[in-house]
Amino acid sequence: MSAAHSFTPIAGQGRDVALLDAALLDGALERVVHARCARGAARRTALAAATARLEALRSKLDLSTGDAIAANLADLYHYMAGRLDAASCDRSRRPLDEVADLLSEIRAAWFTLPQDAEPAAAGRH
């Protein structure tokens, strides 16, 4: 099921913003999965696209509130970008598998957040 059909926005967050966040998560995961099978320039392109989506997600977090969830997500997005960078330097699938697993876990948690969750961890408007 697509993100647009399964996502309920968090209170205080507009549906368009919430769907953009879901699309960024889905896009990053798709690029990581593609990079697993790709070689050379196609692999580097997929990894760069996944990293760009992680950075976009990270930049949307409101860290000014001191919210621990937002801070942890920012650190996790940074960590995953580093793992993708490591994957671009070698041919191991291990970093890609790790990032794909982490993105899948975040995505699953994202779609089960209660509607009254604090919007700081979800992203800025």
PDB file of N, CA and C in Angstrom:
ATOM      1  N   MET A   1       0.854  -1.174   0.000  1.00  0.00           N
ATOM      2  CA  MET A   1       0.000   0.000   0.000  1.00  0.00           C
ATOM      3  C   MET A   1       0.894   1.229   0.000  1.00  0.00           C
ATOM      4  N   SER A   2       0.560   2.234  -0.763  1.00  0.00           N
ATOM      5  CA  SER A   2       1.383   3.432  -0.860  1.00  0.00           C
ATOM      6  C   SER A   2       1.241   4.283   0.394  1.00  0.00           C
ATOM      7  N   ALA A   3       2.242   5.134   0.602  1.00  0.00           N
ATOM      8  CA  ALA A   3       2.231   6.020   1.759  1.00  0.00           C
ATOM      9  C   ALA A   3       1.008   6.929   1.743  1.00  0.00           C
ATOM     10  N   ALA A   4       0.614   7.372   0.582  1.00  0.00           N
ATOM     11  CA  ALA A   4      -0.516   8.294   0.481  1.00  0.00           C
ATOM     12  C   ALA A   4      -1.818   7.659   0.947  1.00  0.00           C
ATOM     13  N   HIS A   5      -1.929   6.359   0.826  1.00  0.00           N
ATOM     14  CA  HIS A   5      -3.160   5.686   1.210  1.00  0.00           C
ATOM     15  C   HIS A   5      -3.154   5.169   2.644  1.00  0.00           C
ATOM     16  N   SER A   6      -1.969   5.059   3.259  1.00  0.00           N
ATOM     17  CA  SER A   6      -1.919   4.444   4.579  1.00  0.00           C
ATOM     18  C   SER A   6      -1.536   5.412   5.689  1.00  0.00           C
ATOM     19  N   PHE A   7      -1.259   6.652   5.374  1.00  0.00           N
ATOM     20  CA  PHE A   7      -0.737   7.564   6.377  1.00  0.00           C
ATOM     21  C   PHE A   7      -1.809   8.472   6.942  1.00  0.00           C
ATOM     22  N   THR A   8      -1.839   8.563   8.255  1.00  0.00           N
ATOM     23  CA  THR A   8      -2.697   9.510   8.950  1.00  0.00           C
ATOM     24  C   THR A   8      -1.790  10.586   9.516  1.00  0.00           C
ATOM     25  N   PRO A   9      -1.994  11.857   9.157  1.00  0.00           N
ATOM     26  CA  PRO A   9      -1.085  12.900   9.629  1.00  0.00           C
ATOM     27  C   PRO A   9      -1.138  13.074  11.130  1.00  0.00           C
ATOM     28  N   ILE A  10      -0.032  13.512  11.678  1.00  0.00           N
ATOM     29  CA  ILE A  10       0.082  13.792  13.102  1.00  0.00           C
ATOM     30  C   ILE A  10      -0.609  15.117  13.386  1.00  0.00           C
ATOM     31  N   ALA A  11      -1.201  15.223  14.550  1.00  0.00           N
ATOM     32  CA  ALA A  11      -1.863  16.473  14.939  1.00  0.00           C
ATOM     33  C   ALA A  11      -0.883  17.629  14.814  1.00  0.00           C
ATOM     34  N   GLY A  12      -1.352  18.715  14.241  1.00  0.00           N
ATOM     35  CA  GLY A  12      -0.504  19.889  14.094  1.00  0.00           C
ATOM     36  C   GLY A  12       0.333  19.865  12.836  1.00  0.00           C
ATOM     37  N   GLN A  13       0.269  18.794  12.084  1.00  0.00           N
ATOM     38  CA  GLN A  13       1.067  18.674  10.873  1.00  0.00           C
ATOM     39  C   GLN A  13       0.118  18.542   9.691  1.00  0.00           C
ATOM     40  N   GLY A  14       0.299  19.373   8.692  1.00  0.00           N
ATOM     41  CA  GLY A  14      -0.553  19.307   7.524  1.00  0.00           C
ATOM     42  C   GLY A  14      -0.354  18.022   6.758  1.00  0.00           C
ATOM     43  N   ARG A  15      -1.407  17.564   6.091  1.00  0.00           N
ATOM     44  CA  ARG A  15      -1.341  16.316   5.337  1.00  0.00           C
ATOM     45  C   ARG A  15      -0.268  16.361   4.254  1.00  0.00           C
ATOM     46  N   ASP A  16      -0.121  17.513   3.568  1.00  0.00           N
ATOM     47  CA  ASP A  16       0.889  17.612   2.518  1.00  0.00           C
ATOM     48  C   ASP A  16       2.294  17.434   3.075  1.00  0.00           C
ATOM     49  N   VAL A  17       2.574  18.046   4.220  1.00  0.00           N
ATOM     50  CA  VAL A  17       3.893  17.918   4.850  1.00  0.00           C
ATOM     51  C   VAL A  17       4.123  16.477   5.292  1.00  0.00           C
ATOM     52  N   ALA A  18       3.116  15.867   5.888  1.00  0.00           N
ATOM     53  CA  ALA A  18       3.236  14.490   6.353  1.00  0.00           C
ATOM     54  C   ALA A  18       3.475  13.539   5.188  1.00  0.00           C
ATOM     55  N   LEU A  19       2.778  13.756   4.090  1.00  0.00           N
ATOM     56  CA  LEU A  19       2.965  12.901   2.922  1.00  0.00           C
ATOM     57  C   LEU A  19       4.338  13.098   2.300  1.00  0.00           C
ATOM     58  N   LEU A  20       4.864  14.318   2.340  1.00  0.00           N
ATOM     59  CA  LEU A  20       6.210  14.562   1.843  1.00  0.00           C
ATOM     60  C   LEU A  20       7.222  13.784   2.669  1.00  0.00           C
ATOM     61  N   ASP A  21       7.079  13.807   3.992  1.00  0.00           N
ATOM     62  CA  ASP A  21       7.975  13.041   4.857  1.00  0.00           C
ATOM     63  C   ASP A  21       7.896  11.553   4.533  1.00  0.00           C
ATOM     64  N   ALA A  22       6.701  11.043   4.354  1.00  0.00           N
ATOM     65  CA  ALA A  22       6.525   9.629   4.021  1.00  0.00           C
ATOM     66  C   ALA A  22       7.147   9.322   2.671  1.00  0.00           C
ATOM     67  N   ALA A  23       6.986  10.224   1.707  1.00  0.00           N
ATOM     68  CA  ALA A  23       7.576  10.014   0.378  1.00  0.00           C
ATOM     69  C   ALA A  23       9.098  10.024   0.452  1.00  0.00           C
ATOM     70  N   LEU A  24       9.665  10.887   1.298  1.00  0.00           N
ATOM     71  CA  LEU A  24      11.122  10.911   1.461  1.00  0.00           C
ATOM     72  C   LEU A  24      11.622   9.604   2.065  1.00  0.00           C
ATOM     73  N   LEU A  25      10.920   9.092   3.070  1.00  0.00           N
ATOM     74  CA  LEU A  25      11.282   7.797   3.650  1.00  0.00           C
ATOM     75  C   LEU A  25      11.213   6.687   2.609  1.00  0.00           C
ATOM     76  N   ASP A  26      10.089   6.638   1.889  1.00  0.00           N
ATOM     77  CA  ASP A  26       9.916   5.609   0.867  1.00  0.00           C
ATOM     78  C   ASP A  26      10.974   5.740  -0.226  1.00  0.00           C
ATOM     79  N   GLY A  27      11.244   6.975  -0.642  1.00  0.00           N
ATOM     80  CA  GLY A  27      12.238   7.197  -1.694  1.00  0.00           C
ATOM     81  C   GLY A  27      13.631   6.777  -1.271  1.00  0.00           C
ATOM     82  N   ALA A  28      13.999   7.093  -0.034  1.00  0.00           N
ATOM     83  CA  ALA A  28      15.315   6.680   0.466  1.00  0.00           C
ATOM     84  C   ALA A  28      15.428   5.161   0.487  1.00  0.00           C
ATOM     85  N   LEU A  29      14.386   4.499   0.968  1.00  0.00           N
ATOM     86  CA  LEU A  29      14.402   3.043   1.016  1.00  0.00           C
ATOM     87  C   LEU A  29      14.485   2.441  -0.383  1.00  0.00           C
ATOM     88  N   GLU A  30      13.724   2.981  -1.318  1.00  0.00           N
ATOM     89  CA  GLU A  30      13.765   2.480  -2.697  1.00  0.00           C
ATOM     90  C   GLU A  30      15.159   2.621  -3.292  1.00  0.00           C
ATOM     91  N   ARG A  31      15.822   3.756  -3.040  1.00  0.00           N
ATOM     92  CA  ARG A  31      17.169   3.971  -3.593  1.00  0.00           C
ATOM     93  C   ARG A  31      18.183   3.029  -2.972  1.00  0.00           C
ATOM     94  N   VAL A  32      18.043   2.756  -1.684  1.00  0.00           N
ATOM     95  CA  VAL A  32      18.957   1.813  -1.024  1.00  0.00           C
ATOM     96  C   VAL A  32      18.768   0.412  -1.598  1.00  0.00           C
ATOM     97  N   VAL A  33      17.523   0.001  -1.783  1.00  0.00           N
ATOM     98  CA  VAL A  33      17.240  -1.314  -2.367  1.00  0.00           C
ATOM     99  C   VAL A  33      17.822  -1.390  -3.774  1.00  0.00           C
ATOM    100  N   HIS A  34      17.664  -0.322  -4.556  1.00  0.00           N
ATOM    101  CA  HIS A  34      18.227  -0.296  -5.906  1.00  0.00           C
ATOM    102  C   HIS A  34      19.751  -0.399  -5.862  1.00  0.00           C
ATOM    103  N   ALA A  35      20.379   0.295  -4.925  1.00  0.00           N
ATOM    104  CA  ALA A  35      21.844   0.289  -4.822  1.00  0.00           C
ATOM    105  C   ALA A  35      22.389  -1.098  -4.502  1.00  0.00           C
ATOM    106  N   ARG A  36      21.587  -1.927  -3.841  1.00  0.00           N
ATOM    107  CA  ARG A  36      22.040  -3.291  -3.532  1.00  0.00           C
ATOM    108  C   ARG A  36      22.404  -4.067  -4.786  1.00  0.00           C
ATOM    109  N   CYS A  37      21.670  -3.842  -5.852  1.00  0.00           N
ATOM    110  CA  CYS A  37      21.862  -4.605  -7.095  1.00  0.00           C
ATOM    111  C   CYS A  37      22.680  -3.848  -8.137  1.00  0.00           C
ATOM    112  N   ALA A  38      22.802  -2.555  -7.976  1.00  0.00           N
ATOM    113  CA  ALA A  38      23.472  -1.723  -8.982  1.00  0.00           C
ATOM    114  C   ALA A  38      24.985  -1.786  -8.816  1.00  0.00           C
ATOM    115  N   ARG A  39      25.654  -1.392  -9.886  1.00  0.00           N
ATOM    116  CA  ARG A  39      27.125  -1.329  -9.865  1.00  0.00           C
ATOM    117  C   ARG A  39      27.578  -0.008 -10.456  1.00  0.00           C
ATOM    118  N   GLY A  40      28.785   0.376 -10.107  1.00  0.00           N
ATOM    119  CA  GLY A  40      29.409   1.550 -10.703  1.00  0.00           C
ATOM    120  C   GLY A  40      28.614   2.825 -10.499  1.00  0.00           C
ATOM    121  N   ALA A  41      28.443   3.565 -11.611  1.00  0.00           N
ATOM    122  CA  ALA A  41      27.778   4.869 -11.559  1.00  0.00           C
ATOM    123  C   ALA A  41      26.336   4.755 -11.092  1.00  0.00           C
ATOM    124  N   ALA A  42      25.652   3.682 -11.470  1.00  0.00           N
ATOM    125  CA  ALA A  42      24.255   3.512 -11.048  1.00  0.00           C
ATOM    126  C   ALA A  42      24.170   3.341  -9.531  1.00  0.00           C
ATOM    127  N   ARG A  43      25.117   2.635  -8.952  1.00  0.00           N
ATOM    128  CA  ARG A  43      25.149   2.453  -7.501  1.00  0.00           C
ATOM    129  C   ARG A  43      25.425   3.785  -6.809  1.00  0.00           C
ATOM    130  N   ARG A  44      26.405   4.521  -7.314  1.00  0.00           N
ATOM    131  CA  ARG A  44      26.740   5.819  -6.715  1.00  0.00           C
ATOM    132  C   ARG A  44      25.568   6.789  -6.817  1.00  0.00           C
ATOM    133  N   THR A  45      24.878   6.772  -7.944  1.00  0.00           N
ATOM    134  CA  THR A  45      23.715   7.651  -8.125  1.00  0.00           C
ATOM    135  C   THR A  45      22.607   7.292  -7.144  1.00  0.00           C
ATOM    136  N   ALA A  46      22.337   6.007  -6.981  1.00  0.00           N
ATOM    137  CA  ALA A  46      21.298   5.567  -6.038  1.00  0.00           C
ATOM    138  C   ALA A  46      21.667   5.935  -4.604  1.00  0.00           C
ATOM    139  N   LEU A  47      22.938   5.757  -4.253  1.00  0.00           N
ATOM    140  CA  LEU A  47      23.386   6.095  -2.902  1.00  0.00           C
ATOM    141  C   LEU A  47      23.305   7.601  -2.651  1.00  0.00           C
ATOM    142  N   ALA A  48      23.687   8.400  -3.644  1.00  0.00           N
ATOM    143  CA  ALA A  48      23.598   9.861  -3.498  1.00  0.00           C
ATOM    144  C   ALA A  48      22.143  10.301  -3.341  1.00  0.00           C
ATOM    145  N   ALA A  49      21.244   9.679  -4.093  1.00  0.00           N
ATOM    146  CA  ALA A  49      19.818  10.030  -3.996  1.00  0.00           C
ATOM    147  C   ALA A  49      19.256   9.639  -2.630  1.00  0.00           C
ATOM    148  N   ALA A  50      19.643   8.485  -2.123  1.00  0.00           N
ATOM    149  CA  ALA A  50      19.182   8.061  -0.798  1.00  0.00           C
ATOM    150  C   ALA A  50      19.715   9.004   0.274  1.00  0.00           C
ATOM    151  N   THR A  51      20.989   9.370   0.166  1.00  0.00           N
ATOM    152  CA  THR A  51      21.596  10.285   1.135  1.00  0.00           C
ATOM    153  C   THR A  51      20.915  11.648   1.100  1.00  0.00           C
ATOM    154  N   ALA A  52      20.593  12.133  -0.083  1.00  0.00           N
ATOM    155  CA  ALA A  52      19.903  13.422  -0.207  1.00  0.00           C
ATOM    156  C   ALA A  52      18.547  13.376   0.492  1.00  0.00           C
ATOM    157  N   ARG A  53      17.851  12.273   0.382  1.00  0.00           N
ATOM    158  CA  ARG A  53      16.549  12.150   1.045  1.00  0.00           C
ATOM    159  C   ARG A  53      16.703  12.085   2.563  1.00  0.00           C
ATOM    160  N   LEU A  54      17.736  11.410   3.032  1.00  0.00           N
ATOM    161  CA  LEU A  54      17.997  11.375   4.476  1.00  0.00           C
ATOM    162  C   LEU A  54      18.317  12.780   4.990  1.00  0.00           C
ATOM    163  N   GLU A  55      19.115  13.519   4.245  1.00  0.00           N
ATOM    164  CA  GLU A  55      19.450  14.885   4.652  1.00  0.00           C
ATOM    165  C   GLU A  55      18.210  15.774   4.629  1.00  0.00           C
ATOM    166  N   ALA A  56      17.323  15.563   3.668  1.00  0.00           N
ATOM    167  CA  ALA A  56      16.075  16.335   3.625  1.00  0.00           C
ATOM    168  C   ALA A  56      15.214  16.021   4.845  1.00  0.00           C
ATOM    169  N   LEU A  57      15.127  14.760   5.206  1.00  0.00           N
ATOM    170  CA  LEU A  57      14.367  14.388   6.402  1.00  0.00           C
ATOM    171  C   LEU A  57      14.988  15.009   7.645  1.00  0.00           C
ATOM    172  N   ARG A  58      16.300  14.949   7.728  1.00  0.00           N
ATOM    173  CA  ARG A  58      17.006  15.501   8.882  1.00  0.00           C
ATOM    174  C   ARG A  58      16.779  17.009   8.987  1.00  0.00           C
ATOM    175  N   SER A  59      16.805  17.700   7.857  1.00  0.00           N
ATOM    176  CA  SER A  59      16.646  19.156   7.879  1.00  0.00           C
ATOM    177  C   SER A  59      15.232  19.578   8.262  1.00  0.00           C
ATOM    178  N   LYS A  60      14.261  18.696   8.116  1.00  0.00           N
ATOM    179  CA  LYS A  60      12.878  19.011   8.453  1.00  0.00           C
ATOM    180  C   LYS A  60      12.592  18.880   9.947  1.00  0.00           C
ATOM    181  N   LEU A  61      13.488  18.258  10.691  1.00  0.00           N
ATOM    182  CA  LEU A  61      13.267  18.082  12.123  1.00  0.00           C
ATOM    183  C   LEU A  61      13.436  19.404  12.861  1.00  0.00           C
ATOM    184  N   ASP A  62      12.563  19.649  13.821  1.00  0.00           N
ATOM    185  CA  ASP A  62      12.648  20.855  14.639  1.00  0.00           C
ATOM    186  C   ASP A  62      13.436  20.516  15.898  1.00  0.00           C
ATOM    187  N   LEU A  63      14.727  20.808  15.855  1.00  0.00           N
ATOM    188  CA  LEU A  63      15.599  20.484  16.985  1.00  0.00           C
ATOM    189  C   LEU A  63      15.609  21.582  18.041  1.00  0.00           C
ATOM    190  N   SER A  64      14.965  22.703  17.763  1.00  0.00           N
ATOM    191  CA  SER A  64      14.974  23.837  18.693  1.00  0.00           C
ATOM    192  C   SER A  64      14.156  23.581  19.950  1.00  0.00           C
ATOM    193  N   THR A  65      13.266  22.597  19.922  1.00  0.00           N
ATOM    194  CA  THR A  65      12.407  22.329  21.078  1.00  0.00           C
ATOM    195  C   THR A  65      13.089  21.475  22.141  1.00  0.00           C
ATOM    196  N   GLY A  66      14.223  20.879  21.794  1.00  0.00           N
ATOM    197  CA  GLY A  66      14.898  19.990  22.721  1.00  0.00           C
ATOM    198  C   GLY A  66      14.260  18.621  22.803  1.00  0.00           C
ATOM    199  N   ASP A  67      13.368  18.317  21.851  1.00  0.00           N
ATOM    200  CA  ASP A  67      12.676  17.038  21.833  1.00  0.00           C
ATOM    201  C   ASP A  67      13.666  15.904  21.591  1.00  0.00           C
ATOM    202  N   ALA A  68      13.678  14.911  22.481  1.00  0.00           N
ATOM    203  CA  ALA A  68      14.624  13.804  22.387  1.00  0.00           C
ATOM    204  C   ALA A  68      14.383  12.942  21.152  1.00  0.00           C
ATOM    205  N   ILE A  69      13.134  12.769  20.769  1.00  0.00           N
ATOM    206  CA  ILE A  69      12.839  11.943  19.594  1.00  0.00           C
ATOM    207  C   ILE A  69      13.399  12.596  18.338  1.00  0.00           C
ATOM    208  N   ALA A  70      13.195  13.901  18.208  1.00  0.00           N
ATOM    209  CA  ALA A  70      13.729  14.612  17.053  1.00  0.00           C
ATOM    210  C   ALA A  70      15.254  14.534  17.027  1.00  0.00           C
ATOM    211  N   ALA A  71      15.881  14.705  18.174  1.00  0.00           N
ATOM    212  CA  ALA A  71      17.347  14.633  18.247  1.00  0.00           C
ATOM    213  C   ALA A  71      17.844  13.235  17.888  1.00  0.00           C
ATOM    214  N   ASN A  72      17.152  12.219  18.381  1.00  0.00           N
ATOM    215  CA  ASN A  72      17.553  10.842  18.063  1.00  0.00           C
ATOM    216  C   ASN A  72      17.376  10.536  16.584  1.00  0.00           C
ATOM    217  N   LEU A  73      16.280  11.021  16.002  1.00  0.00           N
ATOM    218  CA  LEU A  73      16.076  10.832  14.564  1.00  0.00           C
ATOM    219  C   LEU A  73      17.159  11.542  13.761  1.00  0.00           C
ATOM    220  N   ALA A  74      17.510  12.759  14.160  1.00  0.00           N
ATOM    221  CA  ALA A  74      18.566  13.501  13.463  1.00  0.00           C
ATOM    222  C   ALA A  74      19.871  12.716  13.502  1.00  0.00           C
ATOM    223  N   ASP A  75      20.208  12.181  14.666  1.00  0.00           N
ATOM    224  CA  ASP A  75      21.428  11.378  14.798  1.00  0.00           C
ATOM    225  C   ASP A  75      21.347  10.116  13.946  1.00  0.00           C
ATOM    226  N   LEU A  76      20.192   9.488  13.928  1.00  0.00           N
ATOM    227  CA  LEU A  76      20.028   8.262  13.146  1.00  0.00           C
ATOM    228  C   LEU A  76      20.126   8.541  11.652  1.00  0.00           C
ATOM    229  N   TYR A  77      19.500   9.622  11.174  1.00  0.00           N
ATOM    230  CA  TYR A  77      19.618   9.992   9.760  1.00  0.00           C
ATOM    231  C   TYR A  77      21.075  10.269   9.407  1.00  0.00           C
ATOM    232  N   HIS A  78      21.805  10.949  10.294  1.00  0.00           N
ATOM    233  CA  HIS A  78      23.224  11.235  10.064  1.00  0.00           C
ATOM    234  C   HIS A  78      24.029   9.929  10.011  1.00  0.00           C
ATOM    235  N   TYR A  79      23.754   9.030  10.933  1.00  0.00           N
ATOM    236  CA  TYR A  79      24.442   7.737  10.964  1.00  0.00           C
ATOM    237  C   TYR A  79      24.201   6.959   9.665  1.00  0.00           C
ATOM    238  N   MET A  80      22.936   6.923   9.225  1.00  0.00           N
ATOM    239  CA  MET A  80      22.611   6.187   8.001  1.00  0.00           C
ATOM    240  C   MET A  80      23.300   6.803   6.790  1.00  0.00           C
ATOM    241  N   ALA A  81      23.377   8.131   6.741  1.00  0.00           N
ATOM    242  CA  ALA A  81      24.087   8.786   5.634  1.00  0.00           C
ATOM    243  C   ALA A  81      25.558   8.369   5.635  1.00  0.00           C
ATOM    244  N   GLY A  82      26.135   8.262   6.811  1.00  0.00           N
ATOM    245  CA  GLY A  82      27.522   7.795   6.924  1.00  0.00           C
ATOM    246  C   GLY A  82      27.683   6.362   6.454  1.00  0.00           C
ATOM    247  N   ARG A  83      26.729   5.519   6.777  1.00  0.00           N
ATOM    248  CA  ARG A  83      26.787   4.121   6.329  1.00  0.00           C
ATOM    249  C   ARG A  83      26.657   4.037   4.803  1.00  0.00           C
ATOM    250  N   LEU A  84      25.811   4.901   4.224  1.00  0.00           N
ATOM    251  CA  LEU A  84      25.693   4.927   2.763  1.00  0.00           C
ATOM    252  C   LEU A  84      26.989   5.409   2.130  1.00  0.00           C
ATOM    253  N   ASP A  85      27.644   6.359   2.771  1.00  0.00           N
ATOM    254  CA  ASP A  85      28.937   6.829   2.280  1.00  0.00           C
ATOM    255  C   ASP A  85      29.950   5.683   2.317  1.00  0.00           C
ATOM    256  N   ALA A  86      29.935   4.922   3.390  1.00  0.00           N
ATOM    257  CA  ALA A  86      30.833   3.764   3.484  1.00  0.00           C
ATOM    258  C   ALA A  86      30.528   2.746   2.387  1.00  0.00           C
ATOM    259  N   ALA A  87      29.250   2.567   2.087  1.00  0.00           N
ATOM    260  CA  ALA A  87      28.855   1.609   1.053  1.00  0.00           C
ATOM    261  C   ALA A  87      29.313   2.057  -0.329  1.00  0.00           C
ATOM    262  N   SER A  88      29.455   3.356  -0.525  1.00  0.00           N
ATOM    263  CA  SER A  88      29.908   3.838  -1.827  1.00  0.00           C
ATOM    264  C   SER A  88      31.399   3.579  -2.032  1.00  0.00           C
ATOM    265  N   CYS A  89      32.109   3.349  -0.939  1.00  0.00           N
ATOM    266  CA  CYS A  89      33.556   3.110  -1.025  1.00  0.00           C
ATOM    267  C   CYS A  89      33.910   1.641  -1.162  1.00  0.00           C
ATOM    268  N   ASP A  90      32.996   0.767  -0.830  1.00  0.00           N
ATOM    269  CA  ASP A  90      33.264  -0.664  -0.986  1.00  0.00           C
ATOM    270  C   ASP A  90      32.064  -1.348  -1.617  1.00  0.00           C
ATOM    271  N   ARG A  91      32.178  -2.595  -1.859  1.00  0.00           N
ATOM    272  CA  ARG A  91      31.097  -3.326  -2.534  1.00  0.00           C
ATOM    273  C   ARG A  91      30.257  -4.166  -1.581  1.00  0.00           C
ATOM    274  N   SER A  92      30.463  -3.981  -0.305  1.00  0.00           N
ATOM    275  CA  SER A  92      29.726  -4.750   0.688  1.00  0.00           C
ATOM    276  C   SER A  92      28.257  -4.348   0.713  1.00  0.00           C
ATOM    277  N   ARG A  93      27.410  -5.342   0.859  1.00  0.00           N
ATOM    278  CA  ARG A  93      25.973  -5.079   1.003  1.00  0.00           C
ATOM    279  C   ARG A  93      25.591  -4.835   2.453  1.00  0.00           C
ATOM    280  N   ARG A  94      26.493  -5.135   3.365  1.00  0.00           N
ATOM    281  CA  ARG A  94      26.169  -5.032   4.791  1.00  0.00           C
ATOM    282  C   ARG A  94      25.680  -3.637   5.194  1.00  0.00           C
ATOM    283  N   PRO A  95      26.367  -2.539   4.781  1.00  0.00           N
ATOM    284  CA  PRO A  95      25.836  -1.218   5.165  1.00  0.00           C
ATOM    285  C   PRO A  95      24.479  -0.934   4.530  1.00  0.00           C
ATOM    286  N   LEU A  96      24.271  -1.416   3.322  1.00  0.00           N
ATOM    287  CA  LEU A  96      22.992  -1.195   2.646  1.00  0.00           C
ATOM    288  C   LEU A  96      21.879  -1.968   3.340  1.00  0.00           C
ATOM    289  N   ASP A  97      22.168  -3.196   3.735  1.00  0.00           N
ATOM    290  CA  ASP A  97      21.181  -3.986   4.468  1.00  0.00           C
ATOM    291  C   ASP A  97      20.827  -3.318   5.792  1.00  0.00           C
ATOM    292  N   GLU A  98      21.861  -2.800   6.478  1.00  0.00           N
ATOM    293  CA  GLU A  98      21.634  -2.133   7.761  1.00  0.00           C
ATOM    294  C   GLU A  98      20.747  -0.899   7.583  1.00  0.00           C
ATOM    295  N   VAL A  99      21.048  -0.061   6.589  1.00  0.00           N
ATOM    296  CA  VAL A  99      20.268   1.148   6.356  1.00  0.00           C
ATOM    297  C   VAL A  99      18.849   0.793   5.925  1.00  0.00           C
ATOM    298  N   ALA A 100      18.708  -0.201   5.065  1.00  0.00           N
ATOM    299  CA  ALA A 100      17.367  -0.622   4.638  1.00  0.00           C
ATOM    300  C   ALA A 100      16.548  -1.096   5.836  1.00  0.00           C
ATOM    301  N   ASP A 101      17.158  -1.853   6.728  1.00  0.00           N
ATOM    302  CA  ASP A 101      16.456  -2.316   7.928  1.00  0.00           C
ATOM    303  C   ASP A 101      16.045  -1.140   8.822  1.00  0.00           C
ATOM    304  N   LEU A 102      16.958  -0.185   9.011  1.00  0.00           N
ATOM    305  CA  LEU A 102      16.645   0.979   9.843  1.00  0.00           C
ATOM    306  C   LEU A 102      15.531   1.825   9.228  1.00  0.00           C
ATOM    307  N   LEU A 103      15.604   2.052   7.921  1.00  0.00           N
ATOM    308  CA  LEU A 103      14.550   2.819   7.255  1.00  0.00           C
ATOM    309  C   LEU A 103      13.198   2.114   7.356  1.00  0.00           C
ATOM    310  N   SER A 104      13.214   0.795   7.228  1.00  0.00           N
ATOM    311  CA  SER A 104      11.967   0.034   7.340  1.00  0.00           C
ATOM    312  C   SER A 104      11.379   0.163   8.741  1.00  0.00           C
ATOM    313  N   GLU A 105      12.241   0.128   9.748  1.00  0.00           N
ATOM    314  CA  GLU A 105      11.764   0.281  11.129  1.00  0.00           C
ATOM    315  C   GLU A 105      11.202   1.678  11.363  1.00  0.00           C
ATOM    316  N   ILE A 106      11.890   2.696  10.865  1.00  0.00           N
ATOM    317  CA  ILE A 106      11.397   4.070  11.022  1.00  0.00           C
ATOM    318  C   ILE A 106      10.061   4.227  10.314  1.00  0.00           C
ATOM    319  N   ARG A 107       9.979   3.693   9.110  1.00  0.00           N
ATOM    320  CA  ARG A 107       8.748   3.796   8.325  1.00  0.00           C
ATOM    321  C   ARG A 107       7.588   3.124   9.059  1.00  0.00           C
ATOM    322  N   ALA A 108       7.826   1.935   9.594  1.00  0.00           N
ATOM    323  CA  ALA A 108       6.774   1.222  10.317  1.00  0.00           C
ATOM    324  C   ALA A 108       6.324   2.023  11.541  1.00  0.00           C
ATOM    325  N   ALA A 109       7.283   2.594  12.260  1.00  0.00           N
ATOM    326  CA  ALA A 109       6.936   3.400  13.431  1.00  0.00           C
ATOM    327  C   ALA A 109       6.213   4.679  13.021  1.00  0.00           C
ATOM    328  N   TRP A 110       6.656   5.286  11.933  1.00  0.00           N
ATOM    329  CA  TRP A 110       6.054   6.534  11.439  1.00  0.00           C
ATOM    330  C   TRP A 110       4.562   6.364  11.181  1.00  0.00           C
ATOM    331  N   PHE A 111       4.205   5.241  10.577  1.00  0.00           N
ATOM    332  CA  PHE A 111       2.811   5.018  10.208  1.00  0.00           C
ATOM    333  C   PHE A 111       1.952   4.541  11.367  1.00  0.00           C
ATOM    334  N   THR A 112       2.553   4.287  12.523  1.00  0.00           N
ATOM    335  CA  THR A 112       1.766   3.877  13.681  1.00  0.00           C
ATOM    336  C   THR A 112       1.746   4.938  14.779  1.00  0.00           C
ATOM    337  N   LEU A 113       2.346   6.111  14.525  1.00  0.00           N
ATOM    338  CA  LEU A 113       2.323   7.177  15.523  1.00  0.00           C
ATOM    339  C   LEU A 113       0.884   7.588  15.816  1.00  0.00           C
ATOM    340  N   PRO A 114       0.565   7.824  17.078  1.00  0.00           N
ATOM    341  CA  PRO A 114      -0.780   8.311  17.395  1.00  0.00           C
ATOM    342  C   PRO A 114      -0.968   9.721  16.866  1.00  0.00           C
ATOM    343  N   GLN A 115      -2.196  10.062  16.568  1.00  0.00           N
ATOM    344  CA  GLN A 115      -2.483  11.383  16.017  1.00  0.00           C
ATOM    345  C   GLN A 115      -2.171  12.511  16.984  1.00  0.00           C
ATOM    346  N   ASP A 116      -2.120  12.228  18.271  1.00  0.00           N
ATOM    347  CA  ASP A 116      -1.845  13.292  19.230  1.00  0.00           C
ATOM    348  C   ASP A 116      -0.373  13.370  19.593  1.00  0.00           C
ATOM    349  N   ALA A 117       0.504  12.720  18.812  1.00  0.00           N
ATOM    350  CA  ALA A 117       1.948  12.776  19.071  1.00  0.00           C
ATOM    351  C   ALA A 117       2.452  14.188  18.872  1.00  0.00           C
ATOM    352  N   GLU A 118       3.525  14.502  19.557  1.00  0.00           N
ATOM    353  CA  GLU A 118       4.121  15.821  19.429  1.00  0.00           C
ATOM    354  C   GLU A 118       4.662  16.022  18.026  1.00  0.00           C
ATOM    355  N   PRO A 119       4.355  17.134  17.394  1.00  0.00           N
ATOM    356  CA  PRO A 119       4.796  17.352  16.024  1.00  0.00           C
ATOM    357  C   PRO A 119       6.273  17.700  15.889  1.00  0.00           C
ATOM    358  N   ALA A 120       6.982  18.019  16.963  1.00  0.00           N
ATOM    359  CA  ALA A 120       8.389  18.423  16.852  1.00  0.00           C
ATOM    360  C   ALA A 120       9.229  17.332  16.210  1.00  0.00           C
ATOM    361  N   ALA A 121       8.955  16.073  16.535  1.00  0.00           N
ATOM    362  CA  ALA A 121       9.736  14.975  15.973  1.00  0.00           C
ATOM    363  C   ALA A 121       9.330  14.691  14.548  1.00  0.00           C
ATOM    364  N   ALA A 122       8.161  15.088  14.170  1.00  0.00           N
ATOM    365  CA  ALA A 122       7.677  14.799  12.828  1.00  0.00           C
ATOM    366  C   ALA A 122       8.265  15.736  11.801  1.00  0.00           C
ATOM    367  N   GLY A 123       8.483  16.951  12.149  1.00  0.00           N
ATOM    368  CA  GLY A 123       9.054  17.889  11.198  1.00  0.00           C
ATOM    369  C   GLY A 123       8.450  19.268  11.341  1.00  0.00           C
ATOM    370  N   ARG A 124       9.153  20.217  10.770  1.00  0.00           N
ATOM    371  CA  ARG A 124       8.686  21.597  10.788  1.00  0.00           C
ATOM    372  C   ARG A 124       7.754  21.832   9.640  1.00  0.00           C
ATOM    373  N   HIS A 125       6.998  22.895   9.744  1.00  0.00           N
ATOM    374  CA  HIS A 125       6.086  23.299   8.669  1.00  0.00           C
ATOM    375  C   HIS A 125       6.769  24.275   7.775  1.00  0.00           C
TER     376      HIS A 125
END
